Protein backbone atom coordinates (compact mmCIF):
# COMPACT_ATOMS: atom_id res chain seq x y z
CA UNK A 1 0.00 0.00 0.00
CA UNK A 2 1.35 3.43 -0.95
CA UNK A 3 0.61 6.31 1.34
CA UNK A 4 0.75 9.55 -0.62
CA UNK A 5 0.72 12.58 1.59
CA UNK A 6 2.20 15.01 -0.89
CA UNK A 7 2.33 18.33 0.93
CA UNK A 8 5.55 19.44 -0.70
CA UNK A 9 4.56 21.77 -3.52
CA UNK A 10 7.52 21.06 -5.79
CA UNK A 11 6.99 17.30 -6.18
CA UNK A 12 5.33 16.00 -9.30
CA UNK A 13 2.35 13.66 -9.06
CA UNK A 14 0.82 11.44 -11.70
CA UNK A 15 -2.90 10.65 -11.90
CA UNK A 16 -3.53 6.89 -12.16
CA UNK A 17 -7.32 6.82 -12.40
CA UNK A 18 -9.62 6.63 -15.41
CA UNK A 19 -9.91 9.35 -18.03
CA UNK A 20 -12.67 11.81 -17.14
CA UNK A 21 -12.93 14.49 -19.81
CA UNK A 22 -15.33 16.66 -17.81
CA UNK A 23 -12.61 17.21 -15.21
CA UNK A 24 -9.63 17.25 -17.55
CA UNK A 25 -8.22 14.06 -16.06
CA UNK A 26 -6.32 11.60 -18.20
CA UNK A 27 -4.56 8.45 -17.05
CA UNK A 28 -0.87 9.22 -16.52
CA UNK A 29 -1.41 12.99 -16.53
CA UNK A 30 1.36 14.56 -14.47
CA UNK A 31 0.97 17.63 -12.30
CA UNK A 32 4.25 19.34 -11.50
CA UNK A 33 3.07 21.08 -8.33
CA UNK A 34 1.89 18.07 -6.35
CA UNK A 35 -1.71 17.00 -5.84
CA UNK A 36 -3.78 19.60 -7.75
CA UNK A 37 -6.24 20.61 -5.01
CA UNK A 38 -6.60 24.08 -6.58
CA UNK A 39 -6.89 22.92 -10.21
CA UNK A 40 -10.21 24.60 -11.13
CA UNK A 41 -12.01 21.60 -12.69
CA UNK A 42 -11.14 19.40 -9.69
CA UNK A 43 -12.00 21.62 -6.71
CA UNK A 44 -15.53 20.26 -6.30
CA UNK A 45 -14.48 16.70 -7.06
CA UNK A 46 -12.00 16.65 -4.17
CA UNK A 47 -14.87 17.67 -1.87
CA UNK A 48 -17.18 14.90 -3.13
CA UNK A 49 -14.56 12.16 -3.35
CA UNK A 50 -12.40 12.17 -0.23
CA UNK A 51 -10.07 9.40 -1.46
CA UNK A 52 -9.34 11.06 -4.82
CA UNK A 53 -5.92 12.17 -3.55
CA UNK A 54 -4.89 8.50 -3.45
CA UNK A 55 -5.04 8.42 -7.25
CA UNK A 56 -2.20 10.95 -7.47
CA UNK A 57 1.18 9.33 -6.89
CA UNK A 58 4.79 10.33 -7.23
CA UNK A 59 6.29 9.03 -10.50
CA UNK A 60 8.74 6.82 -8.59
CA UNK A 61 5.74 4.94 -7.09
CA UNK A 62 3.78 4.69 -10.34
CA UNK A 63 4.34 1.00 -11.07
CA UNK A 64 3.35 -0.21 -7.60
CA UNK A 65 0.36 2.13 -7.43
CA UNK A 66 -0.99 0.82 -10.74
CA UNK A 67 -0.67 -2.76 -9.47
CA UNK A 68 -2.55 -1.73 -6.33
CA UNK A 69 -5.49 -0.54 -8.46
CA UNK A 70 -6.20 -4.22 -9.15
CA UNK A 71 -6.16 -5.29 -5.48
CA UNK A 72 -9.42 -4.77 -3.57
CA UNK A 73 -7.72 -4.35 -0.18
CA UNK A 74 -5.72 -1.24 -1.18
CA UNK A 75 -6.46 2.44 -0.79
CA UNK A 76 -5.86 2.97 -4.51
CA UNK A 77 -8.60 0.47 -5.38
CA UNK A 78 -11.00 1.99 -2.83
CA UNK A 79 -10.27 5.47 -4.21
CA UNK A 80 -10.99 4.26 -7.74
CA UNK A 81 -14.32 2.72 -6.69
CA UNK A 82 -15.30 5.87 -4.79
CA UNK A 83 -14.43 8.03 -7.82
CA UNK A 84 -16.45 5.85 -10.19
CA UNK A 85 -19.44 5.96 -7.82
CA UNK A 86 -19.16 9.76 -7.48
CA UNK A 87 -19.02 10.26 -11.25
CA UNK A 88 -22.00 7.95 -11.83
CA UNK A 89 -24.06 9.80 -9.21
CA UNK A 90 -23.18 13.14 -10.79
CA UNK A 91 -24.35 11.89 -14.19
CA UNK A 92 -27.72 10.62 -12.92
C-alpha atoms as a PDB file:
ATOM      1  CA  UNK A   1       0.000   0.000   0.000  1.00  0.00           C
ATOM      2  CA  UNK A   2       1.347   3.427  -0.946  1.00  0.00           C
ATOM      3  CA  UNK A   3       0.607   6.314   1.343  1.00  0.00           C
ATOM      4  CA  UNK A   4       0.752   9.553  -0.624  1.00  0.00           C
ATOM      5  CA  UNK A   5       0.720  12.575   1.586  1.00  0.00           C
ATOM      6  CA  UNK A   6       2.201  15.012  -0.887  1.00  0.00           C
ATOM      7  CA  UNK A   7       2.329  18.330   0.932  1.00  0.00           C
ATOM      8  CA  UNK A   8       5.553  19.441  -0.701  1.00  0.00           C
ATOM      9  CA  UNK A   9       4.556  21.770  -3.524  1.00  0.00           C
ATOM     10  CA  UNK A  10       7.522  21.057  -5.794  1.00  0.00           C
ATOM     11  CA  UNK A  11       6.986  17.298  -6.177  1.00  0.00           C
ATOM     12  CA  UNK A  12       5.332  15.998  -9.305  1.00  0.00           C
ATOM     13  CA  UNK A  13       2.355  13.656  -9.059  1.00  0.00           C
ATOM     14  CA  UNK A  14       0.820  11.435 -11.700  1.00  0.00           C
ATOM     15  CA  UNK A  15      -2.896  10.652 -11.901  1.00  0.00           C
ATOM     16  CA  UNK A  16      -3.532   6.888 -12.158  1.00  0.00           C
ATOM     17  CA  UNK A  17      -7.321   6.821 -12.397  1.00  0.00           C
ATOM     18  CA  UNK A  18      -9.621   6.627 -15.412  1.00  0.00           C
ATOM     19  CA  UNK A  19      -9.911   9.354 -18.031  1.00  0.00           C
ATOM     20  CA  UNK A  20     -12.669  11.812 -17.138  1.00  0.00           C
ATOM     21  CA  UNK A  21     -12.933  14.486 -19.814  1.00  0.00           C
ATOM     22  CA  UNK A  22     -15.334  16.665 -17.806  1.00  0.00           C
ATOM     23  CA  UNK A  23     -12.614  17.207 -15.206  1.00  0.00           C
ATOM     24  CA  UNK A  24      -9.633  17.251 -17.549  1.00  0.00           C
ATOM     25  CA  UNK A  25      -8.220  14.055 -16.058  1.00  0.00           C
ATOM     26  CA  UNK A  26      -6.319  11.597 -18.196  1.00  0.00           C
ATOM     27  CA  UNK A  27      -4.563   8.449 -17.053  1.00  0.00           C
ATOM     28  CA  UNK A  28      -0.869   9.217 -16.517  1.00  0.00           C
ATOM     29  CA  UNK A  29      -1.414  12.992 -16.531  1.00  0.00           C
ATOM     30  CA  UNK A  30       1.359  14.558 -14.472  1.00  0.00           C
ATOM     31  CA  UNK A  31       0.969  17.632 -12.300  1.00  0.00           C
ATOM     32  CA  UNK A  32       4.253  19.340 -11.504  1.00  0.00           C
ATOM     33  CA  UNK A  33       3.074  21.082  -8.329  1.00  0.00           C
ATOM     34  CA  UNK A  34       1.888  18.071  -6.347  1.00  0.00           C
ATOM     35  CA  UNK A  35      -1.715  17.001  -5.836  1.00  0.00           C
ATOM     36  CA  UNK A  36      -3.784  19.602  -7.752  1.00  0.00           C
ATOM     37  CA  UNK A  37      -6.242  20.611  -5.011  1.00  0.00           C
ATOM     38  CA  UNK A  38      -6.597  24.080  -6.581  1.00  0.00           C
ATOM     39  CA  UNK A  39      -6.886  22.920 -10.215  1.00  0.00           C
ATOM     40  CA  UNK A  40     -10.209  24.596 -11.135  1.00  0.00           C
ATOM     41  CA  UNK A  41     -12.007  21.604 -12.694  1.00  0.00           C
ATOM     42  CA  UNK A  42     -11.143  19.395  -9.688  1.00  0.00           C
ATOM     43  CA  UNK A  43     -11.999  21.621  -6.705  1.00  0.00           C
ATOM     44  CA  UNK A  44     -15.533  20.258  -6.302  1.00  0.00           C
ATOM     45  CA  UNK A  45     -14.482  16.704  -7.063  1.00  0.00           C
ATOM     46  CA  UNK A  46     -12.004  16.645  -4.166  1.00  0.00           C
ATOM     47  CA  UNK A  47     -14.874  17.666  -1.868  1.00  0.00           C
ATOM     48  CA  UNK A  48     -17.184  14.905  -3.130  1.00  0.00           C
ATOM     49  CA  UNK A  49     -14.558  12.162  -3.352  1.00  0.00           C
ATOM     50  CA  UNK A  50     -12.395  12.173  -0.228  1.00  0.00           C
ATOM     51  CA  UNK A  51     -10.071   9.403  -1.462  1.00  0.00           C
ATOM     52  CA  UNK A  52      -9.339  11.062  -4.818  1.00  0.00           C
ATOM     53  CA  UNK A  53      -5.923  12.174  -3.546  1.00  0.00           C
ATOM     54  CA  UNK A  54      -4.885   8.502  -3.446  1.00  0.00           C
ATOM     55  CA  UNK A  55      -5.040   8.421  -7.254  1.00  0.00           C
ATOM     56  CA  UNK A  56      -2.202  10.951  -7.466  1.00  0.00           C
ATOM     57  CA  UNK A  57       1.181   9.329  -6.890  1.00  0.00           C
ATOM     58  CA  UNK A  58       4.786  10.327  -7.231  1.00  0.00           C
ATOM     59  CA  UNK A  59       6.287   9.027 -10.499  1.00  0.00           C
ATOM     60  CA  UNK A  60       8.744   6.816  -8.589  1.00  0.00           C
ATOM     61  CA  UNK A  61       5.735   4.940  -7.086  1.00  0.00           C
ATOM     62  CA  UNK A  62       3.783   4.688 -10.337  1.00  0.00           C
ATOM     63  CA  UNK A  63       4.345   1.002 -11.067  1.00  0.00           C
ATOM     64  CA  UNK A  64       3.349  -0.215  -7.601  1.00  0.00           C
ATOM     65  CA  UNK A  65       0.360   2.131  -7.426  1.00  0.00           C
ATOM     66  CA  UNK A  66      -0.991   0.817 -10.741  1.00  0.00           C
ATOM     67  CA  UNK A  67      -0.671  -2.758  -9.465  1.00  0.00           C
ATOM     68  CA  UNK A  68      -2.554  -1.730  -6.330  1.00  0.00           C
ATOM     69  CA  UNK A  69      -5.486  -0.536  -8.456  1.00  0.00           C
ATOM     70  CA  UNK A  70      -6.197  -4.222  -9.146  1.00  0.00           C
ATOM     71  CA  UNK A  71      -6.163  -5.292  -5.475  1.00  0.00           C
ATOM     72  CA  UNK A  72      -9.416  -4.772  -3.567  1.00  0.00           C
ATOM     73  CA  UNK A  73      -7.715  -4.347  -0.176  1.00  0.00           C
ATOM     74  CA  UNK A  74      -5.716  -1.240  -1.178  1.00  0.00           C
ATOM     75  CA  UNK A  75      -6.464   2.444  -0.791  1.00  0.00           C
ATOM     76  CA  UNK A  76      -5.860   2.969  -4.505  1.00  0.00           C
ATOM     77  CA  UNK A  77      -8.604   0.472  -5.377  1.00  0.00           C
ATOM     78  CA  UNK A  78     -10.998   1.994  -2.825  1.00  0.00           C
ATOM     79  CA  UNK A  79     -10.266   5.465  -4.212  1.00  0.00           C
ATOM     80  CA  UNK A  80     -10.987   4.256  -7.738  1.00  0.00           C
ATOM     81  CA  UNK A  81     -14.320   2.715  -6.689  1.00  0.00           C
ATOM     82  CA  UNK A  82     -15.304   5.870  -4.791  1.00  0.00           C
ATOM     83  CA  UNK A  83     -14.428   8.029  -7.817  1.00  0.00           C
ATOM     84  CA  UNK A  84     -16.450   5.851 -10.189  1.00  0.00           C
ATOM     85  CA  UNK A  85     -19.439   5.964  -7.825  1.00  0.00           C
ATOM     86  CA  UNK A  86     -19.158   9.759  -7.479  1.00  0.00           C
ATOM     87  CA  UNK A  87     -19.020  10.262 -11.250  1.00  0.00           C
ATOM     88  CA  UNK A  88     -22.001   7.952 -11.834  1.00  0.00           C
ATOM     89  CA  UNK A  89     -24.058   9.801  -9.209  1.00  0.00           C
ATOM     90  CA  UNK A  90     -23.175  13.144 -10.790  1.00  0.00           C
ATOM     91  CA  UNK A  91     -24.354  11.893 -14.194  1.00  0.00           C
ATOM     92  CA  UNK A  92     -27.717  10.616 -12.922  1.00  0.00           C
END
